[in-house]
PDB file of N, CA and C in Angstrom:
ATOM      1  N   MET A   1       0.851  -1.169   0.000  1.00  0.00           N
ATOM      2  CA  MET A   1       0.000   0.000   0.000  1.00  0.00           C
ATOM      3  C   MET A   1       0.901   1.238   0.000  1.00  0.00           C
ATOM      4  N   PRO A   2       0.740   2.137  -0.967  1.00  0.00           N
ATOM      5  CA  PRO A   2       1.582   3.334  -1.025  1.00  0.00           C
ATOM      6  C   PRO A   2       1.369   4.241   0.184  1.00  0.00           C
ATOM      7  N   LYS A   3       2.460   4.904   0.567  1.00  0.00           N
ATOM      8  CA  LYS A   3       2.391   5.858   1.664  1.00  0.00           C
ATOM      9  C   LYS A   3       2.878   7.211   1.158  1.00  0.00           C
ATOM     10  N   ALA A   4       2.060   8.222   1.394  1.00  0.00           N
ATOM     11  CA  ALA A   4       2.432   9.582   1.019  1.00  0.00           C
ATOM     12  C   ALA A   4       2.896  10.330   2.258  1.00  0.00           C
ATOM     13  N   LEU A   5       3.929  11.142   2.084  1.00  0.00           N
ATOM     14  CA  LEU A   5       4.437  12.008   3.134  1.00  0.00           C
ATOM     15  C   LEU A   5       4.113  13.434   2.716  1.00  0.00           C
ATOM     16  N   VAL A   6       3.350  14.139   3.540  1.00  0.00           N
ATOM     17  CA  VAL A   6       2.910  15.487   3.212  1.00  0.00           C
ATOM     18  C   VAL A   6       3.525  16.461   4.208  1.00  0.00           C
ATOM     19  N   TYR A   7       4.175  17.493   3.698  1.00  0.00           N
ATOM     20  CA  TYR A   7       4.782  18.531   4.518  1.00  0.00           C
ATOM     21  C   TYR A   7       4.038  19.836   4.253  1.00  0.00           C
ATOM     22  N   VAL A   8       3.534  20.463   5.306  1.00  0.00           N
ATOM     23  CA  VAL A   8       2.776  21.710   5.186  1.00  0.00           C
ATOM     24  C   VAL A   8       3.519  22.779   5.971  1.00  0.00           C
ATOM     25  N   THR A   9       3.819  23.908   5.310  1.00  0.00           N
ATOM     26  CA  THR A   9       4.517  25.017   5.956  1.00  0.00           C
ATOM     27  C   THR A   9       3.877  26.338   5.545  1.00  0.00           C
ATOM     28  N   TYR A  10       4.092  27.358   6.373  1.00  0.00           N
ATOM     29  CA  TYR A  10       3.608  28.686   6.016  1.00  0.00           C
ATOM     30  C   TYR A  10       4.347  29.191   4.789  1.00  0.00           C
ATOM     31  N   LYS A  11       3.650  29.960   3.963  1.00  0.00           N
ATOM     32  CA  LYS A  11       4.282  30.592   2.814  1.00  0.00           C
ATOM     33  C   LYS A  11       5.277  31.638   3.305  1.00  0.00           C
ATOM     34  N   ALA A  12       6.257  31.932   2.458  1.00  0.00           N
ATOM     35  CA  ALA A  12       7.223  32.981   2.786  1.00  0.00           C
ATOM     36  C   ALA A  12       6.459  34.288   3.027  1.00  0.00           C
ATOM     37  N   GLY A  13       6.833  34.994   4.055  1.00  0.00           N
ATOM     38  CA  GLY A  13       6.191  36.266   4.373  1.00  0.00           C
ATOM     39  C   GLY A  13       5.045  36.159   5.361  1.00  0.00           C
ATOM     40  N   VAL A  14       4.554  34.942   5.624  1.00  0.00           N
ATOM     41  CA  VAL A  14       3.481  34.747   6.596  1.00  0.00           C
ATOM     42  C   VAL A  14       4.130  34.570   7.969  1.00  0.00           C
ATOM     43  N   LEU A  15       3.668  35.339   8.951  1.00  0.00           N
ATOM     44  CA  LEU A  15       4.219  35.242  10.295  1.00  0.00           C
ATOM     45  C   LEU A  15       3.972  33.851  10.874  1.00  0.00           C
ATOM     46  N   ASP A  16       4.964  33.350  11.593  1.00  0.00           N
ATOM     47  CA  ASP A  16       4.898  32.030  12.211  1.00  0.00           C
ATOM     48  C   ASP A  16       5.137  32.193  13.714  1.00  0.00           C
ATOM     49  N   PRO A  17       4.081  32.471  14.495  1.00  0.00           N
ATOM     50  CA  PRO A  17       4.277  32.716  15.924  1.00  0.00           C
ATOM     51  C   PRO A  17       4.861  31.514  16.672  1.00  0.00           C
ATOM     52  N   GLN A  18       4.497  30.309  16.282  1.00  0.00           N
ATOM     53  CA  GLN A  18       5.057  29.133  16.944  1.00  0.00           C
ATOM     54  C   GLN A  18       6.549  29.019  16.635  1.00  0.00           C
ATOM     55  N   GLY A  19       6.921  29.299  15.404  1.00  0.00           N
ATOM     56  CA  GLY A  19       8.339  29.287  15.036  1.00  0.00           C
ATOM     57  C   GLY A  19       9.127  30.328  15.818  1.00  0.00           C
ATOM     58  N   GLU A  20       8.535  31.506  15.999  1.00  0.00           N
ATOM     59  CA  GLU A  20       9.195  32.558  16.782  1.00  0.00           C
ATOM     60  C   GLU A  20       9.366  32.137  18.235  1.00  0.00           C
ATOM     61  N   ALA A  21       8.356  31.482  18.801  1.00  0.00           N
ATOM     62  CA  ALA A  21       8.452  30.997  20.181  1.00  0.00           C
ATOM     63  C   ALA A  21       9.564  29.964  20.313  1.00  0.00           C
ATOM     64  N   VAL A  22       9.679  29.073  19.342  1.00  0.00           N
ATOM     65  CA  VAL A  22      10.732  28.058  19.369  1.00  0.00           C
ATOM     66  C   VAL A  22      12.099  28.732  19.237  1.00  0.00           C
ATOM     67  N   ARG A  23      12.206  29.715  18.340  1.00  0.00           N
ATOM     68  CA  ARG A  23      13.476  30.431  18.171  1.00  0.00           C
ATOM     69  C   ARG A  23      13.880  31.110  19.476  1.00  0.00           C
ATOM     70  N   GLY A  24      12.914  31.758  20.136  1.00  0.00           N
ATOM     71  CA  GLY A  24      13.202  32.408  21.410  1.00  0.00           C
ATOM     72  C   GLY A  24      13.628  31.410  22.477  1.00  0.00           C
ATOM     73  N   ALA A  25      12.969  30.264  22.535  1.00  0.00           N
ATOM     74  CA  ALA A  25      13.327  29.234  23.512  1.00  0.00           C
ATOM     75  C   ALA A  25      14.721  28.681  23.240  1.00  0.00           C
ATOM     76  N   LEU A  26      15.036  28.464  21.971  1.00  0.00           N
ATOM     77  CA  LEU A  26      16.381  27.979  21.634  1.00  0.00           C
ATOM     78  C   LEU A  26      17.438  28.997  22.036  1.00  0.00           C
ATOM     79  N   SER A  27      17.144  30.255  21.808  1.00  0.00           N
ATOM     80  CA  SER A  27      18.070  31.320  22.204  1.00  0.00           C
ATOM     81  C   SER A  27      18.275  31.326  23.714  1.00  0.00           C
ATOM     82  N   SER A  28      17.192  31.182  24.466  1.00  0.00           N
ATOM     83  CA  SER A  28      17.312  31.179  25.929  1.00  0.00           C
ATOM     84  C   SER A  28      18.046  29.947  26.451  1.00  0.00           C
ATOM     85  N   LEU A  29      18.094  28.895  25.646  1.00  0.00           N
ATOM     86  CA  LEU A  29      18.850  27.696  26.013  1.00  0.00           C
ATOM     87  C   LEU A  29      20.318  27.785  25.599  1.00  0.00           C
ATOM     88  N   GLY A  30      20.688  28.913  25.005  1.00  0.00           N
ATOM     89  CA  GLY A  30      22.088  29.120  24.655  1.00  0.00           C
ATOM     90  C   GLY A  30      22.437  28.897  23.201  1.00  0.00           C
ATOM     91  N   PHE A  31      21.454  28.586  22.367  1.00  0.00           N
ATOM     92  CA  PHE A  31      21.713  28.392  20.939  1.00  0.00           C
ATOM     93  C   PHE A  31      21.610  29.746  20.248  1.00  0.00           C
ATOM     94  N   LYS A  32      22.714  30.497  20.242  1.00  0.00           N
ATOM     95  CA  LYS A  32      22.709  31.877  19.763  1.00  0.00           C
ATOM     96  C   LYS A  32      22.739  32.005  18.240  1.00  0.00           C
ATOM     97  N   GLY A  33      23.113  30.975  17.514  1.00  0.00           N
ATOM     98  CA  GLY A  33      23.238  31.073  16.064  1.00  0.00           C
ATOM     99  C   GLY A  33      21.945  30.834  15.303  1.00  0.00           C
ATOM    100  N   VAL A  34      20.833  30.623  15.994  1.00  0.00           N
ATOM    101  CA  VAL A  34      19.564  30.336  15.321  1.00  0.00           C
ATOM    102  C   VAL A  34      18.888  31.661  14.966  1.00  0.00           C
ATOM    103  N   ASN A  35      18.759  31.939  13.677  1.00  0.00           N
ATOM    104  CA  ASN A  35      18.194  33.207  13.222  1.00  0.00           C
ATOM    105  C   ASN A  35      16.711  33.135  12.904  1.00  0.00           C
ATOM    106  N   ASP A  36      16.241  31.974  12.464  1.00  0.00           N
ATOM    107  CA  ASP A  36      14.840  31.846  12.083  1.00  0.00           C
ATOM    108  C   ASP A  36      14.409  30.397  12.256  1.00  0.00           C
ATOM    109  N   VAL A  37      13.179  30.201  12.695  1.00  0.00           N
ATOM    110  CA  VAL A  37      12.603  28.865  12.823  1.00  0.00           C
ATOM    111  C   VAL A  37      11.212  28.914  12.222  1.00  0.00           C
ATOM    112  N   ARG A  38      10.888  27.954  11.387  1.00  0.00           N
ATOM    113  CA  ARG A  38       9.559  27.820  10.810  1.00  0.00           C
ATOM    114  C   ARG A  38       9.016  26.467  11.255  1.00  0.00           C
ATOM    115  N   VAL A  39       7.814  26.439  11.784  1.00  0.00           N
ATOM    116  CA  VAL A  39       7.200  25.211  12.260  1.00  0.00           C
ATOM    117  C   VAL A  39       6.099  24.818  11.283  1.00  0.00           C
ATOM    118  N   GLY A  40       6.031  23.549  10.937  1.00  0.00           N
ATOM    119  CA  GLY A  40       5.020  23.083  10.006  1.00  0.00           C
ATOM    120  C   GLY A  40       4.387  21.794  10.483  1.00  0.00           C
ATOM    121  N   LYS A  41       3.680  21.155   9.561  1.00  0.00           N
ATOM    122  CA  LYS A  41       3.009  19.891   9.854  1.00  0.00           C
ATOM    123  C   LYS A  41       3.586  18.805   8.951  1.00  0.00           C
ATOM    124  N   TYR A  42       3.645  17.595   9.499  1.00  0.00           N
ATOM    125  CA  TYR A  42       4.065  16.423   8.743  1.00  0.00           C
ATOM    126  C   TYR A  42       2.942  15.406   8.853  1.00  0.00           C
ATOM    127  N   ILE A  43       2.457  14.918   7.722  1.00  0.00           N
ATOM    128  CA  ILE A  43       1.314  14.012   7.698  1.00  0.00           C
ATOM    129  C   ILE A  43       1.676  12.803   6.853  1.00  0.00           C
ATOM    130  N   GLU A  44       1.435  11.593   7.388  1.00  0.00           N
ATOM    131  CA  GLU A  44       1.619  10.356   6.618  1.00  0.00           C
ATOM    132  C   GLU A  44       0.248   9.830   6.236  1.00  0.00           C
ATOM    133  N   ILE A  45       0.096   9.474   4.980  1.00  0.00           N
ATOM    134  CA  ILE A  45      -1.178   8.952   4.490  1.00  0.00           C
ATOM    135  C   ILE A  45      -0.926   7.652   3.739  1.00  0.00           C
ATOM    136  N   GLU A  46      -1.529   6.570   4.211  1.00  0.00           N
ATOM    137  CA  GLU A  46      -1.513   5.321   3.457  1.00  0.00           C
ATOM    138  C   GLU A  46      -2.762   5.317   2.592  1.00  0.00           C
ATOM    139  N   ILE A  47      -2.580   5.029   1.316  1.00  0.00           N
ATOM    140  CA  ILE A  47      -3.684   5.162   0.367  1.00  0.00           C
ATOM    141  C   ILE A  47      -3.696   3.961  -0.569  1.00  0.00           C
ATOM    142  N   ASP A  48      -4.889   3.484  -0.895  1.00  0.00           N
ATOM    143  CA  ASP A  48      -5.002   2.387  -1.854  1.00  0.00           C
ATOM    144  C   ASP A  48      -4.479   2.836  -3.209  1.00  0.00           C
ATOM    145  N   ASP A  49      -3.874   1.912  -3.899  1.00  0.00           N
ATOM    146  CA  ASP A  49      -3.309   2.196  -5.214  1.00  0.00           C
ATOM    147  C   ASP A  49      -4.391   2.055  -6.282  1.00  0.00           C
ATOM    148  N   THR A  50      -5.384   2.928  -6.201  1.00  0.00           N
ATOM    149  CA  THR A  50      -6.468   2.927  -7.180  1.00  0.00           C
ATOM    150  C   THR A  50      -6.615   4.329  -7.745  1.00  0.00           C
ATOM    151  N   GLY A  51      -6.974   4.418  -8.978  1.00  0.00           N
ATOM    152  CA  GLY A  51      -7.172   5.730  -9.596  1.00  0.00           C
ATOM    153  C   GLY A  51      -5.869   6.493  -9.694  1.00  0.00           C
ATOM    154  N   ASN A  52      -5.992   7.812  -9.696  1.00  0.00           N
ATOM    155  CA  ASN A  52      -4.829   8.673  -9.804  1.00  0.00           C
ATOM    156  C   ASN A  52      -4.455   9.170  -8.411  1.00  0.00           C
ATOM    157  N   ILE A  53      -3.520   8.500  -7.770  1.00  0.00           N
ATOM    158  CA  ILE A  53      -3.130   8.809  -6.392  1.00  0.00           C
ATOM    159  C   ILE A  53      -2.679  10.263  -6.267  1.00  0.00           C
ATOM    160  N   HIS A  54      -1.859  10.722  -7.208  1.00  0.00           N
ATOM    161  CA  HIS A  54      -1.324  12.082  -7.100  1.00  0.00           C
ATOM    162  C   HIS A  54      -2.444  13.123  -7.119  1.00  0.00           C
ATOM    163  N   ASP A  55      -3.407  12.947  -8.010  1.00  0.00           N
ATOM    164  CA  ASP A  55      -4.528  13.893  -8.060  1.00  0.00           C
ATOM    165  C   ASP A  55      -5.342  13.860  -6.769  1.00  0.00           C
ATOM    166  N   ASP A  56      -5.571  12.658  -6.226  1.00  0.00           N
ATOM    167  CA  ASP A  56      -6.300  12.537  -4.963  1.00  0.00           C
ATOM    168  C   ASP A  56      -5.552  13.244  -3.832  1.00  0.00           C
ATOM    169  N   LEU A  57      -4.240  13.044  -3.766  1.00  0.00           N
ATOM    170  CA  LEU A  57      -3.451  13.681  -2.717  1.00  0.00           C
ATOM    171  C   LEU A  57      -3.449  15.200  -2.869  1.00  0.00           C
ATOM    172  N   GLU A  58      -3.366  15.677  -4.085  1.00  0.00           N
ATOM    173  CA  GLU A  58      -3.428  17.132  -4.321  1.00  0.00           C
ATOM    174  C   GLU A  58      -4.753  17.696  -3.810  1.00  0.00           C
ATOM    175  N   ARG A  59      -5.846  17.001  -4.098  1.00  0.00           N
ATOM    176  CA  ARG A  59      -7.163  17.461  -3.619  1.00  0.00           C
ATOM    177  C   ARG A  59      -7.241  17.442  -2.102  1.00  0.00           C
ATOM    178  N   MET A  60      -6.710  16.370  -1.481  1.00  0.00           N
ATOM    179  CA  MET A  60      -6.713  16.287  -0.020  1.00  0.00           C
ATOM    180  C   MET A  60      -5.990  17.485   0.593  1.00  0.00           C
ATOM    181  N   CYS A  61      -4.830  17.788   0.030  1.00  0.00           N
ATOM    182  CA  CYS A  61      -4.041  18.902   0.556  1.00  0.00           C
ATOM    183  C   CYS A  61      -4.760  20.229   0.346  1.00  0.00           C
ATOM    184  N   HIS A  62      -5.264  20.430  -0.844  1.00  0.00           N
ATOM    185  CA  HIS A  62      -5.921  21.695  -1.164  1.00  0.00           C
ATOM    186  C   HIS A  62      -7.220  21.885  -0.388  1.00  0.00           C
ATOM    187  N   ASP A  63      -7.989  20.804  -0.218  1.00  0.00           N
ATOM    188  CA  ASP A  63      -9.312  20.917   0.409  1.00  0.00           C
ATOM    189  C   ASP A  63      -9.298  20.833   1.929  1.00  0.00           C
ATOM    190  N   LEU A  64      -8.280  20.173   2.522  1.00  0.00           N
ATOM    191  CA  LEU A  64      -8.324  19.961   3.969  1.00  0.00           C
ATOM    192  C   LEU A  64      -6.993  20.143   4.678  1.00  0.00           C
ATOM    193  N   LEU A  65      -5.941  19.523   4.179  1.00  0.00           N
ATOM    194  CA  LEU A  65      -4.701  19.437   4.941  1.00  0.00           C
ATOM    195  C   LEU A  65      -3.922  20.747   5.005  1.00  0.00           C
ATOM    196  N   ALA A  66      -4.075  21.600   4.011  1.00  0.00           N
ATOM    197  CA  ALA A  66      -3.371  22.882   3.994  1.00  0.00           C
ATOM    198  C   ALA A  66      -4.347  23.994   3.656  1.00  0.00           C
ATOM    199  N   ASN A  67      -4.038  25.174   4.135  1.00  0.00           N
ATOM    200  CA  ASN A  67      -4.800  26.370   3.753  1.00  0.00           C
ATOM    201  C   ASN A  67      -4.010  27.034   2.628  1.00  0.00           C
ATOM    202  N   PRO A  68      -4.435  26.869   1.371  1.00  0.00           N
ATOM    203  CA  PRO A  68      -3.629  27.341   0.240  1.00  0.00           C
ATOM    204  C   PRO A  68      -3.424  28.856   0.209  1.00  0.00           C
ATOM    205  N   VAL A  69      -4.171  29.602   1.001  1.00  0.00           N
ATOM    206  CA  VAL A  69      -3.988  31.049   1.050  1.00  0.00           C
ATOM    207  C   VAL A  69      -2.693  31.398   1.788  1.00  0.00           C
ATOM    208  N   ILE A  70      -2.392  30.664   2.874  1.00  0.00           N
ATOM    209  CA  ILE A  70      -1.225  31.010   3.687  1.00  0.00           C
ATOM    210  C   ILE A  70      -0.198  29.892   3.814  1.00  0.00           C
ATOM    211  N   GLU A  71      -0.499  28.707   3.278  1.00  0.00           N
ATOM    212  CA  GLU A  71       0.414  27.578   3.435  1.00  0.00           C
ATOM    213  C   GLU A  71       0.789  26.956   2.095  1.00  0.00           C
ATOM    214  N   ASP A  72       2.003  26.460   2.038  1.00  0.00           N
ATOM    215  CA  ASP A  72       2.474  25.634   0.925  1.00  0.00           C
ATOM    216  C   ASP A  72       2.512  24.192   1.409  1.00  0.00           C
ATOM    217  N   TYR A  73       2.479  23.269   0.471  1.00  0.00           N
ATOM    218  CA  TYR A  73       2.613  21.857   0.838  1.00  0.00           C
ATOM    219  C   TYR A  73       3.460  21.145  -0.196  1.00  0.00           C
ATOM    220  N   ARG A  74       4.065  20.065   0.263  1.00  0.00           N
ATOM    221  CA  ARG A  74       4.892  19.229  -0.605  1.00  0.00           C
ATOM    222  C   ARG A  74       4.500  17.788  -0.344  1.00  0.00           C
ATOM    223  N   ILE A  75       4.320  17.021  -1.396  1.00  0.00           N
ATOM    224  CA  ILE A  75       3.942  15.616  -1.292  1.00  0.00           C
ATOM    225  C   ILE A  75       5.103  14.770  -1.796  1.00  0.00           C
ATOM    226  N   GLU A  76       5.491  13.782  -0.994  1.00  0.00           N
ATOM    227  CA  GLU A  76       6.498  12.808  -1.406  1.00  0.00           C
ATOM    228  C   GLU A  76       5.910  11.424  -1.213  1.00  0.00           C
ATOM    229  N   MET A  77       6.288  10.519  -2.062  1.00  0.00           N
ATOM    230  CA  MET A  77       5.872   9.128  -1.905  1.00  0.00           C
ATOM    231  C   MET A  77       7.008   8.384  -1.206  1.00  0.00           C
ATOM    232  N   ALA A  78       6.660   7.645  -0.129  1.00  0.00           N
ATOM    233  CA  ALA A  78       7.659   6.866   0.610  1.00  0.00           C
ATOM    234  C   ALA A  78       8.081   5.677  -0.230  1.00  0.00           C
ATOM    235  N   ASP A  79       9.311   5.281  -0.054  1.00  0.00           N
ATOM    236  CA  ASP A  79       9.848   4.116  -0.748  1.00  0.00           C
ATOM    237  C   ASP A  79       9.499   2.878   0.067  1.00  0.00           C
ATOM    238  N   GLU A  80       8.651   2.034  -0.477  1.00  0.00           N
ATOM    239  CA  GLU A  80       8.193   0.850   0.270  1.00  0.00           C
ATOM    240  C   GLU A  80       9.336  -0.121   0.555  1.00  0.00           C
ATOM    241  N   SER A  81      10.415  -0.070  -0.192  1.00  0.00           N
ATOM    242  CA  SER A  81      11.526  -0.986   0.044  1.00  0.00           C
ATOM    243  C   SER A  81      12.277  -0.641   1.322  1.00  0.00           C
ATOM    244  N   THR A  82      12.018   0.527   1.896  1.00  0.00           N
ATOM    245  CA  THR A  82      12.686   0.930   3.143  1.00  0.00           C
ATOM    246  C   THR A  82      11.673   1.029   4.268  1.00  0.00           C
ATOM    247  N   ASN A  83      10.666   0.147   4.248  1.00  0.00           N
ATOM    248  CA  ASN A  83       9.631   0.118   5.288  1.00  0.00           C
ATOM    249  C   ASN A  83       8.840   1.414   5.374  1.00  0.00           C
ATOM    250  N   GLY A  84       8.586   2.033   4.248  1.00  0.00           N
ATOM    251  CA  GLY A  84       7.784   3.236   4.231  1.00  0.00           C
ATOM    252  C   GLY A  84       8.537   4.492   4.599  1.00  0.00           C
ATOM    253  N   GLU A  85       9.824   4.373   4.811  1.00  0.00           N
ATOM    254  CA  GLU A  85      10.608   5.547   5.169  1.00  0.00           C
ATOM    255  C   GLU A  85      11.221   6.146   3.904  1.00  0.00           C
ATOM    256  N   ARG A  86      11.238   7.456   3.859  1.00  0.00           N
ATOM    257  CA  ARG A  86      11.834   8.165   2.731  1.00  0.00           C
ATOM    258  C   ARG A  86      13.334   8.018   2.806  1.00  0.00           C
ATOM    259  N   GLN A  87      13.957   7.855   1.639  1.00  0.00           N
ATOM    260  CA  GLN A  87      15.418   7.734   1.626  1.00  0.00           C
ATOM    261  C   GLN A  87      16.053   9.093   1.567  1.00  0.00           C
TER     262      GLN A  87
END
């Protein structure tokens, strides 16, 4: 069964308050070289190999998983030969 890996992040220029909080926390822990942090979502989807998987995944992302106004997304297919892990 194919597995899709979906990464959702804010578009460039969109404020990321969670990323800023993480950057501030890293700074307070002594990591002074961190200039920017962006926080996103990672979603794994196992999907039946029927129809056009790529088109279905695009619709899922556009309709539910990402807000296309403020977020970008990237879809990768996991390599089944490595137990579903991306190489």
